[in-house]
Amino acid sequence: MTDLYKAALEELAQVFGRLDDAAVDALCARIAQARRIVVFAGGRERLQIMGLAMRLYHMGLDAHVEGDMTTPPVGPGDLFLVACGPGEISTALALIGVARGAGATVAVITAQPQGRAPQMADLVLHLPAQTMADDQGEARSSVLPMGSLFEGALFVLFEVMILKLMARLGTDPAAMRARHTNLE
């Protein structure tokens, strides 16, 4: 059993060994300058990006999750941030079109930068990890099933991005804690 943990952690390390940290910094800069941030992803990727939105809110940023009843409209000065590991899902394509039409900046995090969603984006962050687009046959590269490697890498990526944003914006951890809900 220990070998499976080790293999999964080694795969995550390999993903981050291939990640372009300058592209992460560019995305952090866009987040820091955005008037408002709205995030979107499907499936288990959605769970990860919701965690990012929560931490952005804790930092005092105007962050929302697409589909929530309280999500405001996007427009110029706003950032629509999409995680789309396989590079294309129909909902992401439709929402990217709406956000672009409204004048928002679109950023896409993907494992498939040649996909339609990243091709529509203003900024693309390539997170090189297996997704459901390449989890079968000879393309399969992870011990983890389906898109789990990409989803796990999103969690780590988002936590490091928060650290980078905290440093960039001079965010106080105590202020973040003060914004955490007391309704738990």
C-alpha atoms as a PDB file:
ATOM      1  CA  MET A   1       0.000   0.000   0.000  1.00  0.00           C
ATOM      2  CA  THR A   2       2.846   2.394   0.778  1.00  0.00           C
ATOM      3  CA  ASP A   3       4.059   2.029  -2.829  1.00  0.00           C
ATOM      4  CA  LEU A   4       0.792   3.505  -4.141  1.00  0.00           C
ATOM      5  CA  TYR A   5       1.158   6.624  -1.977  1.00  0.00           C
ATOM      6  CA  LYS A   6       4.755   6.992  -3.076  1.00  0.00           C
ATOM      7  CA  ALA A   7       3.840   6.580  -6.745  1.00  0.00           C
ATOM      8  CA  ALA A   8       1.066   9.177  -6.517  1.00  0.00           C
ATOM      9  CA  LEU A   9       3.316  11.683  -4.752  1.00  0.00           C
ATOM     10  CA  GLU A  10       6.111  11.091  -7.283  1.00  0.00           C
ATOM     11  CA  GLU A  11       3.661  11.731 -10.118  1.00  0.00           C
ATOM     12  CA  LEU A  12       2.584  15.017  -8.519  1.00  0.00           C
ATOM     13  CA  ALA A  13       6.228  16.010  -8.145  1.00  0.00           C
ATOM     14  CA  GLN A  14       6.791  15.269 -11.840  1.00  0.00           C
ATOM     15  CA  VAL A  15       3.842  17.505 -12.775  1.00  0.00           C
ATOM     16  CA  PHE A  16       5.327  20.414 -10.840  1.00  0.00           C
ATOM     17  CA  GLY A  17       8.774  19.685 -12.230  1.00  0.00           C
ATOM     18  CA  ARG A  18       7.346  20.367 -15.710  1.00  0.00           C
ATOM     19  CA  LEU A  19       5.184  23.362 -14.697  1.00  0.00           C
ATOM     20  CA  ASP A  20       6.181  26.808 -15.996  1.00  0.00           C
ATOM     21  CA  ASP A  21       6.296  28.851 -12.779  1.00  0.00           C
ATOM     22  CA  ALA A  22       6.436  32.100 -14.782  1.00  0.00           C
ATOM     23  CA  ALA A  23       2.994  31.210 -16.178  1.00  0.00           C
ATOM     24  CA  VAL A  24       1.746  30.690 -12.607  1.00  0.00           C
ATOM     25  CA  ASP A  25       3.102  34.126 -11.683  1.00  0.00           C
ATOM     26  CA  ALA A  26       1.359  35.649 -14.718  1.00  0.00           C
ATOM     27  CA  LEU A  27      -1.948  34.127 -13.625  1.00  0.00           C
ATOM     28  CA  CYS A  28      -1.429  35.385 -10.081  1.00  0.00           C
ATOM     29  CA  ALA A  29      -0.787  38.869 -11.455  1.00  0.00           C
ATOM     30  CA  ARG A  30      -4.077  38.737 -13.401  1.00  0.00           C
ATOM     31  CA  ILE A  31      -5.940  37.592 -10.293  1.00  0.00           C
ATOM     32  CA  ALA A  32      -4.360  40.354  -8.193  1.00  0.00           C
ATOM     33  CA  GLN A  33      -5.376  43.076 -10.640  1.00  0.00           C
ATOM     34  CA  ALA A  34      -8.908  41.794 -11.351  1.00  0.00           C
ATOM     35  CA  ARG A  35     -11.866  43.823 -10.165  1.00  0.00           C
ATOM     36  CA  ARG A  36     -13.773  40.591  -9.653  1.00  0.00           C
ATOM     37  CA  ILE A  37     -12.913  36.901 -10.112  1.00  0.00           C
ATOM     38  CA  VAL A  38     -15.457  34.269 -11.125  1.00  0.00           C
ATOM     39  CA  VAL A  39     -14.297  30.656 -11.309  1.00  0.00           C
ATOM     40  CA  PHE A  40     -15.694  27.642 -13.134  1.00  0.00           C
ATOM     41  CA  ALA A  41     -14.869  23.974 -13.589  1.00  0.00           C
ATOM     42  CA  GLY A  42     -16.834  20.771 -13.998  1.00  0.00           C
ATOM     43  CA  GLY A  43     -16.868  17.566 -11.996  1.00  0.00           C
ATOM     44  CA  ARG A  44     -14.122  17.019  -9.429  1.00  0.00           C
ATOM     45  CA  GLU A  45     -12.136  19.929 -10.876  1.00  0.00           C
ATOM     46  CA  ARG A  46     -15.027  22.099  -9.690  1.00  0.00           C
ATOM     47  CA  LEU A  47     -14.401  21.005  -6.103  1.00  0.00           C
ATOM     48  CA  GLN A  48     -10.804  22.196  -6.369  1.00  0.00           C
ATOM     49  CA  ILE A  49     -11.617  25.546  -7.952  1.00  0.00           C
ATOM     50  CA  MET A  50     -14.317  26.187  -5.361  1.00  0.00           C
ATOM     51  CA  GLY A  51     -11.589  25.857  -2.724  1.00  0.00           C
ATOM     52  CA  LEU A  52      -9.547  28.457  -4.600  1.00  0.00           C
ATOM     53  CA  ALA A  53     -12.508  30.856  -4.666  1.00  0.00           C
ATOM     54  CA  MET A  54     -12.915  30.401  -0.918  1.00  0.00           C
ATOM     55  CA  ARG A  55      -9.265  31.253  -0.257  1.00  0.00           C
ATOM     56  CA  LEU A  56      -9.452  34.272  -2.599  1.00  0.00           C
ATOM     57  CA  TYR A  57     -12.443  35.464  -0.596  1.00  0.00           C
ATOM     58  CA  HIS A  58     -10.507  34.909   2.636  1.00  0.00           C
ATOM     59  CA  MET A  59      -7.839  37.191   1.158  1.00  0.00           C
ATOM     60  CA  GLY A  60     -10.441  39.917   0.731  1.00  0.00           C
ATOM     61  CA  LEU A  61     -10.773  39.560  -3.039  1.00  0.00           C
ATOM     62  CA  ASP A  62     -14.149  39.733  -4.780  1.00  0.00           C
ATOM     63  CA  ALA A  63     -14.318  36.043  -5.751  1.00  0.00           C
ATOM     64  CA  HIS A  64     -17.315  33.964  -6.817  1.00  0.00           C
ATOM     65  CA  VAL A  65     -18.150  30.492  -8.140  1.00  0.00           C
ATOM     66  CA  GLU A  66     -20.119  30.372 -11.390  1.00  0.00           C
ATOM     67  CA  GLY A  67     -23.539  28.869 -10.775  1.00  0.00           C
ATOM     68  CA  ASP A  68     -23.956  30.173  -7.226  1.00  0.00           C
ATOM     69  CA  MET A  69     -27.097  32.238  -6.758  1.00  0.00           C
ATOM     70  CA  THR A  70     -25.014  35.235  -5.638  1.00  0.00           C
ATOM     71  CA  THR A  71     -22.567  35.269  -8.566  1.00  0.00           C
ATOM     72  CA  PRO A  72     -22.560  38.728 -10.155  1.00  0.00           C
ATOM     73  CA  PRO A  73     -22.214  39.394 -13.884  1.00  0.00           C
ATOM     74  CA  VAL A  74     -18.723  39.688 -15.355  1.00  0.00           C
ATOM     75  CA  GLY A  75     -17.450  42.467 -17.558  1.00  0.00           C
ATOM     76  CA  PRO A  76     -14.401  44.600 -18.281  1.00  0.00           C
ATOM     77  CA  GLY A  77     -11.830  44.413 -15.497  1.00  0.00           C
ATOM     78  CA  ASP A  78     -13.095  41.017 -14.330  1.00  0.00           C
ATOM     79  CA  LEU A  79     -11.391  37.637 -14.621  1.00  0.00           C
ATOM     80  CA  PHE A  80     -13.237  34.455 -15.555  1.00  0.00           C
ATOM     81  CA  LEU A  81     -10.960  31.619 -14.420  1.00  0.00           C
ATOM     82  CA  VAL A  82     -11.713  28.168 -15.819  1.00  0.00           C
ATOM     83  CA  ALA A  83     -10.130  24.814 -14.993  1.00  0.00           C
ATOM     84  CA  CYS A  84     -10.659  22.489 -17.940  1.00  0.00           C
ATOM     85  CA  GLY A  85      -8.198  19.615 -17.763  1.00  0.00           C
ATOM     86  CA  PRO A  86      -9.220  17.865 -20.969  1.00  0.00           C
ATOM     87  CA  GLY A  87      -9.209  21.160 -22.878  1.00  0.00           C
ATOM     88  CA  GLU A  88     -12.853  21.071 -23.824  1.00  0.00           C
ATOM     89  CA  ILE A  89     -16.205  20.589 -22.148  1.00  0.00           C
ATOM     90  CA  SER A  90     -19.333  22.097 -23.658  1.00  0.00           C
ATOM     91  CA  THR A  91     -20.306  24.138 -20.594  1.00  0.00           C
ATOM     92  CA  ALA A  92     -16.848  25.716 -20.359  1.00  0.00           C
ATOM     93  CA  LEU A  93     -16.930  26.659 -24.040  1.00  0.00           C
ATOM     94  CA  ALA A  94     -20.333  28.297 -23.681  1.00  0.00           C
ATOM     95  CA  LEU A  95     -19.406  30.211 -20.526  1.00  0.00           C
ATOM     96  CA  ILE A  96     -16.079  31.365 -21.971  1.00  0.00           C
ATOM     97  CA  GLY A  97     -18.004  32.760 -24.937  1.00  0.00           C
ATOM     98  CA  VAL A  98     -20.367  34.654 -22.628  1.00  0.00           C
ATOM     99  CA  ALA A  99     -17.525  36.027 -20.491  1.00  0.00           C
ATOM    100  CA  ARG A 100     -15.520  37.146 -23.543  1.00  0.00           C
ATOM    101  CA  GLY A 101     -18.621  38.735 -25.030  1.00  0.00           C
ATOM    102  CA  ALA A 102     -19.110  40.705 -21.812  1.00  0.00           C
ATOM    103  CA  GLY A 103     -15.520  41.966 -21.929  1.00  0.00           C
ATOM    104  CA  ALA A 104     -14.033  39.863 -19.115  1.00  0.00           C
ATOM    105  CA  THR A 105     -10.521  38.450 -19.306  1.00  0.00           C
ATOM    106  CA  VAL A 106     -10.541  34.651 -19.585  1.00  0.00           C
ATOM    107  CA  ALA A 107      -7.856  32.414 -18.093  1.00  0.00           C
ATOM    108  CA  VAL A 108      -7.861  28.638 -18.550  1.00  0.00           C
ATOM    109  CA  ILE A 109      -5.891  26.060 -16.591  1.00  0.00           C
ATOM    110  CA  THR A 110      -5.605  22.874 -18.622  1.00  0.00           C
ATOM    111  CA  ALA A 111      -3.581  19.759 -19.314  1.00  0.00           C
ATOM    112  CA  GLN A 112      -4.453  20.039 -23.007  1.00  0.00           C
ATOM    113  CA  PRO A 113      -3.381  23.514 -24.210  1.00  0.00           C
ATOM    114  CA  GLN A 114      -4.316  22.650 -27.797  1.00  0.00           C
ATOM    115  CA  GLY A 115      -7.985  22.211 -26.760  1.00  0.00           C
ATOM    116  CA  ARG A 116     -10.788  24.562 -27.750  1.00  0.00           C
ATOM    117  CA  ALA A 117     -11.207  26.142 -24.283  1.00  0.00           C
ATOM    118  CA  PRO A 118      -7.570  27.279 -23.974  1.00  0.00           C
ATOM    119  CA  GLN A 119      -7.626  28.487 -27.577  1.00  0.00           C
ATOM    120  CA  MET A 120     -10.450  30.871 -26.586  1.00  0.00           C
ATOM    121  CA  ALA A 121      -8.585  32.204 -23.529  1.00  0.00           C
ATOM    122  CA  ASP A 122      -6.540  35.351 -22.996  1.00  0.00           C
ATOM    123  CA  LEU A 123      -4.200  33.484 -20.650  1.00  0.00           C
ATOM    124  CA  VAL A 124      -3.451  29.745 -20.487  1.00  0.00           C
ATOM    125  CA  LEU A 125      -1.711  27.861 -17.699  1.00  0.00           C
ATOM    126  CA  HIS A 126      -0.590  24.402 -18.809  1.00  0.00           C
ATOM    127  CA  LEU A 127      -0.737  21.964 -15.883  1.00  0.00           C
ATOM    128  CA  PRO A 128       0.862  18.840 -17.397  1.00  0.00           C
ATOM    129  CA  ALA A 129      -1.040  16.013 -15.740  1.00  0.00           C
ATOM    130  CA  GLN A 130      -3.159  13.093 -16.917  1.00  0.00           C
ATOM    131  CA  THR A 131      -6.874  13.806 -17.319  1.00  0.00           C
ATOM    132  CA  MET A 132      -9.754  11.769 -18.703  1.00  0.00           C
ATOM    133  CA  ALA A 133      -8.604  12.935 -22.143  1.00  0.00           C
ATOM    134  CA  ASP A 134      -5.563  10.667 -21.891  1.00  0.00           C
ATOM    135  CA  ASP A 135      -6.258   8.037 -19.238  1.00  0.00           C
ATOM    136  CA  GLN A 136      -6.624   4.990 -21.480  1.00  0.00           C
ATOM    137  CA  GLY A 137      -4.365   2.777 -23.509  1.00  0.00           C
ATOM    138  CA  GLU A 138      -0.803   3.856 -24.245  1.00  0.00           C
ATOM    139  CA  ALA A 139      -1.583   7.490 -23.351  1.00  0.00           C
ATOM    140  CA  ARG A 140      -2.201   6.525 -19.727  1.00  0.00           C
ATOM    141  CA  SER A 141       0.673   7.711 -17.540  1.00  0.00           C
ATOM    142  CA  SER A 142      -0.648   7.761 -13.966  1.00  0.00           C
ATOM    143  CA  VAL A 143      -1.262   5.156 -11.322  1.00  0.00           C
ATOM    144  CA  LEU A 144      -4.267   7.277 -10.317  1.00  0.00           C
ATOM    145  CA  PRO A 145      -7.547   6.736 -12.173  1.00  0.00           C
ATOM    146  CA  MET A 146      -9.093   8.987 -14.774  1.00  0.00           C
ATOM    147  CA  GLY A 147      -8.384  12.684 -14.063  1.00  0.00           C
ATOM    148  CA  SER A 148      -7.268  12.304 -10.466  1.00  0.00           C
ATOM    149  CA  LEU A 149      -3.680  13.384 -11.115  1.00  0.00           C
ATOM    150  CA  PHE A 150      -4.851  16.677 -12.657  1.00  0.00           C
ATOM    151  CA  GLU A 151      -7.361  17.232  -9.852  1.00  0.00           C
ATOM    152  CA  GLY A 152      -4.742  16.588  -7.156  1.00  0.00           C
ATOM    153  CA  ALA A 153      -2.305  18.865  -8.949  1.00  0.00           C
ATOM    154  CA  LEU A 154      -4.973  21.594  -9.029  1.00  0.00           C
ATOM    155  CA  PHE A 155      -5.218  21.455  -5.232  1.00  0.00           C
ATOM    156  CA  VAL A 156      -1.465  21.883  -4.788  1.00  0.00           C
ATOM    157  CA  LEU A 157      -1.271  24.529  -7.515  1.00  0.00           C
ATOM    158  CA  PHE A 158      -4.071  26.572  -5.953  1.00  0.00           C
ATOM    159  CA  GLU A 159      -2.520  26.474  -2.485  1.00  0.00           C
ATOM    160  CA  VAL A 160       0.831  27.653  -3.870  1.00  0.00           C
ATOM    161  CA  MET A 161      -0.955  30.365  -5.853  1.00  0.00           C
ATOM    162  CA  ILE A 162      -2.551  31.583  -2.607  1.00  0.00           C
ATOM    163  CA  LEU A 163       0.897  31.765  -1.006  1.00  0.00           C
ATOM    164  CA  LYS A 164       2.178  33.748  -3.997  1.00  0.00           C
ATOM    165  CA  LEU A 165      -0.847  36.067  -3.876  1.00  0.00           C
ATOM    166  CA  MET A 166      -0.461  36.594  -0.134  1.00  0.00           C
ATOM    167  CA  ALA A 167       3.125  37.734  -0.705  1.00  0.00           C
ATOM    168  CA  ARG A 168       2.182  39.883  -3.718  1.00  0.00           C
ATOM    169  CA  LEU A 169      -0.732  41.594  -1.956  1.00  0.00           C
ATOM    170  CA  GLY A 170       0.762  41.722   1.545  1.00  0.00           C
ATOM    171  CA  THR A 171      -2.129  39.693   2.915  1.00  0.00           C
ATOM    172  CA  ASP A 172      -2.136  39.082   6.649  1.00  0.00           C
ATOM    173  CA  PRO A 173      -3.003  35.484   7.650  1.00  0.00           C
ATOM    174  CA  ALA A 174      -4.938  36.849  10.665  1.00  0.00           C
ATOM    175  CA  ALA A 175      -7.117  38.923   8.331  1.00  0.00           C
ATOM    176  CA  MET A 176      -7.783  35.804   6.244  1.00  0.00           C
ATOM    177  CA  ARG A 177      -8.768  33.879   9.358  1.00  0.00           C
ATOM    178  CA  ALA A 178     -11.114  36.713  10.381  1.00  0.00           C
ATOM    179  CA  ARG A 179     -12.984  36.309   7.054  1.00  0.00           C
ATOM    180  CA  HIS A 180     -13.526  32.576   7.610  1.00  0.00           C
ATOM    181  CA  THR A 181     -17.115  31.664   8.311  1.00  0.00           C
ATOM    182  CA  ASN A 182     -18.277  31.214  11.873  1.00  0.00           C
ATOM    183  CA  LEU A 183     -21.286  29.135  10.730  1.00  0.00           C
ATOM    184  CA  GLU A 184     -19.625  25.734  10.896  1.00  0.00           C
END
